[in-house]
Amino acid sequence: MMIGFIVWSVCAAVFFGLAVYCRRAKNAVGFFAGVQAPEVSDIKSYNRAVSRLWIVYAVLFEALGVPFLFAKQNSPVYIISVVGTMFISIGAMAAYHFIAEKYKK
């Protein structure tokens, strides 16, 4: 299942790349697709907070991919990865709402 782990790692790298993009952005970045970024009081701090959120998400996402290295194909252990991804995604959405409220104008 090494190929599964490599694909999972590429996805985590995309999230990390998104974090780098957010960190370097000059304008406030949005979190959800198709939604405008809110008007914020401090753009640099807001973007840094969103970047940290994506970094934490990428690290947790990569950690959830570890079962791909050790489990056999069609193992029930993969439920950990699937359910864990659901929980960290919900957690990221909740964390973003706290960030948006903190930096809202």
C-alpha atoms as a PDB file:
ATOM      1  CA  MET A   1       0.000   0.000   0.000  1.00  0.00           C
ATOM      2  CA  MET A   2       2.991   2.242  -0.513  1.00  0.00           C
ATOM      3  CA  ILE A   3       1.257   3.850  -3.498  1.00  0.00           C
ATOM      4  CA  GLY A   4      -1.725   4.747  -1.293  1.00  0.00           C
ATOM      5  CA  PHE A   5       0.592   6.424   1.194  1.00  0.00           C
ATOM      6  CA  ILE A   6       2.353   8.339  -1.586  1.00  0.00           C
ATOM      7  CA  VAL A   7      -0.971   9.624  -2.930  1.00  0.00           C
ATOM      8  CA  TRP A   8      -2.042  10.547   0.622  1.00  0.00           C
ATOM      9  CA  SER A   9       1.274  12.382   1.122  1.00  0.00           C
ATOM     10  CA  VAL A  10       0.838  14.316  -2.116  1.00  0.00           C
ATOM     11  CA  CYS A  11      -2.549  15.510  -0.838  1.00  0.00           C
ATOM     12  CA  ALA A  12      -0.947  16.560   2.452  1.00  0.00           C
ATOM     13  CA  ALA A  13       1.730  18.418   0.471  1.00  0.00           C
ATOM     14  CA  VAL A  14      -0.993  20.302  -1.397  1.00  0.00           C
ATOM     15  CA  PHE A  15      -2.436  21.431   1.938  1.00  0.00           C
ATOM     16  CA  PHE A  16       1.039  22.491   3.055  1.00  0.00           C
ATOM     17  CA  GLY A  17       1.480  24.403  -0.206  1.00  0.00           C
ATOM     18  CA  LEU A  18      -1.811  26.139   0.482  1.00  0.00           C
ATOM     19  CA  ALA A  19      -0.411  27.156   3.872  1.00  0.00           C
ATOM     20  CA  VAL A  20       2.657  28.670   2.222  1.00  0.00           C
ATOM     21  CA  TYR A  21       0.436  30.537  -0.236  1.00  0.00           C
ATOM     22  CA  CYS A  22      -1.686  31.912   2.621  1.00  0.00           C
ATOM     23  CA  ARG A  23       1.409  33.019   4.504  1.00  0.00           C
ATOM     24  CA  ARG A  24       2.767  34.973   1.502  1.00  0.00           C
ATOM     25  CA  ALA A  25      -0.534  36.506   0.333  1.00  0.00           C
ATOM     26  CA  LYS A  26      -0.812  40.276   0.369  1.00  0.00           C
ATOM     27  CA  ASN A  27      -4.628  40.301   0.560  1.00  0.00           C
ATOM     28  CA  ALA A  28      -6.816  38.462   3.056  1.00  0.00           C
ATOM     29  CA  VAL A  29      -7.254  34.853   1.996  1.00  0.00           C
ATOM     30  CA  GLY A  30     -10.513  32.942   2.036  1.00  0.00           C
ATOM     31  CA  PHE A  31     -10.949  29.544   3.592  1.00  0.00           C
ATOM     32  CA  PHE A  32     -13.952  28.069   1.829  1.00  0.00           C
ATOM     33  CA  ALA A  33     -14.054  27.635  -1.954  1.00  0.00           C
ATOM     34  CA  GLY A  34     -16.044  30.296  -3.744  1.00  0.00           C
ATOM     35  CA  VAL A  35     -16.445  32.508  -0.671  1.00  0.00           C
ATOM     36  CA  GLN A  36     -14.901  35.952  -0.440  1.00  0.00           C
ATOM     37  CA  ALA A  37     -12.430  36.575   2.378  1.00  0.00           C
ATOM     38  CA  PRO A  38     -13.892  38.663   5.192  1.00  0.00           C
ATOM     39  CA  GLU A  39     -12.801  42.217   5.843  1.00  0.00           C
ATOM     40  CA  VAL A  40     -10.180  41.895   8.547  1.00  0.00           C
ATOM     41  CA  SER A  41      -8.457  44.372  10.816  1.00  0.00           C
ATOM     42  CA  ASP A  42      -4.919  42.972  10.436  1.00  0.00           C
ATOM     43  CA  ILE A  43      -4.360  41.168   7.140  1.00  0.00           C
ATOM     44  CA  LYS A  44      -0.872  39.887   7.947  1.00  0.00           C
ATOM     45  CA  SER A  45      -1.878  38.336  11.286  1.00  0.00           C
ATOM     46  CA  TYR A  46      -5.064  36.913   9.798  1.00  0.00           C
ATOM     47  CA  ASN A  47      -3.183  35.280   6.928  1.00  0.00           C
ATOM     48  CA  ARG A  48      -0.593  33.914   9.363  1.00  0.00           C
ATOM     49  CA  ALA A  49      -3.361  32.371  11.502  1.00  0.00           C
ATOM     50  CA  VAL A  50      -5.006  30.779   8.459  1.00  0.00           C
ATOM     51  CA  SER A  51      -1.596  29.512   7.360  1.00  0.00           C
ATOM     52  CA  ARG A  52      -1.034  27.892  10.767  1.00  0.00           C
ATOM     53  CA  LEU A  53      -4.455  26.280  10.481  1.00  0.00           C
ATOM     54  CA  TRP A  54      -3.506  24.708   7.137  1.00  0.00           C
ATOM     55  CA  ILE A  55      -0.123  23.566   8.466  1.00  0.00           C
ATOM     56  CA  VAL A  56      -1.752  21.816  11.420  1.00  0.00           C
ATOM     57  CA  TYR A  57      -4.300  20.284   9.068  1.00  0.00           C
ATOM     58  CA  ALA A  58      -1.563  19.032   6.721  1.00  0.00           C
ATOM     59  CA  VAL A  59       0.415  17.469   9.582  1.00  0.00           C
ATOM     60  CA  LEU A  60      -2.650  15.742  11.048  1.00  0.00           C
ATOM     61  CA  PHE A  61      -3.736  14.625   7.590  1.00  0.00           C
ATOM     62  CA  GLU A  62      -0.315  13.094   6.966  1.00  0.00           C
ATOM     63  CA  ALA A  63      -0.405  11.365  10.365  1.00  0.00           C
ATOM     64  CA  LEU A  64      -3.767   9.833   9.462  1.00  0.00           C
ATOM     65  CA  GLY A  65      -2.147   8.327   6.377  1.00  0.00           C
ATOM     66  CA  VAL A  66       0.304   6.211   8.380  1.00  0.00           C
ATOM     67  CA  PRO A  67      -1.983   3.119   8.334  1.00  0.00           C
ATOM     68  CA  PHE A  68      -1.355   2.967   4.582  1.00  0.00           C
ATOM     69  CA  LEU A  69       2.238   1.987   5.343  1.00  0.00           C
ATOM     70  CA  PHE A  70       1.460  -0.950   7.628  1.00  0.00           C
ATOM     71  CA  ALA A  71      -2.028  -2.309   6.946  1.00  0.00           C
ATOM     72  CA  LYS A  72      -2.917  -4.751   4.219  1.00  0.00           C
ATOM     73  CA  GLN A  73      -5.279  -3.888   1.410  1.00  0.00           C
ATOM     74  CA  ASN A  74      -8.977  -3.734   2.414  1.00  0.00           C
ATOM     75  CA  SER A  75      -8.074  -3.666   6.101  1.00  0.00           C
ATOM     76  CA  PRO A  76     -10.611  -2.188   8.521  1.00  0.00           C
ATOM     77  CA  VAL A  77      -7.791  -0.032   9.902  1.00  0.00           C
ATOM     78  CA  TYR A  78      -8.415   2.426   7.072  1.00  0.00           C
ATOM     79  CA  ILE A  79     -11.589   3.484   8.841  1.00  0.00           C
ATOM     80  CA  ILE A  80      -9.285   5.405  11.198  1.00  0.00           C
ATOM     81  CA  SER A  81      -7.995   7.449   8.266  1.00  0.00           C
ATOM     82  CA  VAL A  82     -11.429   8.128   6.818  1.00  0.00           C
ATOM     83  CA  VAL A  83     -13.153   9.035  10.080  1.00  0.00           C
ATOM     84  CA  GLY A  84     -10.113  10.947  11.310  1.00  0.00           C
ATOM     85  CA  THR A  85     -10.086  13.040   8.135  1.00  0.00           C
ATOM     86  CA  MET A  86     -13.742  13.854   8.677  1.00  0.00           C
ATOM     87  CA  PHE A  87     -13.054  14.996  12.247  1.00  0.00           C
ATOM     88  CA  ILE A  88     -10.016  17.130  11.409  1.00  0.00           C
ATOM     89  CA  SER A  89     -11.964  18.739   8.552  1.00  0.00           C
ATOM     90  CA  ILE A  90     -14.806  19.671  10.889  1.00  0.00           C
ATOM     91  CA  GLY A  91     -12.244  20.895  13.418  1.00  0.00           C
ATOM     92  CA  ALA A  92     -10.550  23.047  10.770  1.00  0.00           C
ATOM     93  CA  MET A  93     -13.876  24.640   9.849  1.00  0.00           C
ATOM     94  CA  ALA A  94     -14.619  25.395  13.502  1.00  0.00           C
ATOM     95  CA  ALA A  95     -11.113  26.793  14.046  1.00  0.00           C
ATOM     96  CA  TYR A  96     -11.488  29.026  11.001  1.00  0.00           C
ATOM     97  CA  HIS A  97     -14.676  30.516  12.387  1.00  0.00           C
ATOM     98  CA  PHE A  98     -12.774  31.460  15.565  1.00  0.00           C
ATOM     99  CA  ILE A  99     -10.027  33.030  13.438  1.00  0.00           C
ATOM    100  CA  ALA A 100     -12.537  34.944  11.325  1.00  0.00           C
ATOM    101  CA  GLU A 101     -14.307  36.298  14.404  1.00  0.00           C
ATOM    102  CA  LYS A 102     -11.022  37.327  16.019  1.00  0.00           C
ATOM    103  CA  TYR A 103      -9.823  39.378  13.038  1.00  0.00           C
ATOM    104  CA  LYS A 104     -13.177  40.653  11.765  1.00  0.00           C
ATOM    105  CA  LYS A 105     -13.406  44.427  11.328  1.00  0.00           C
END
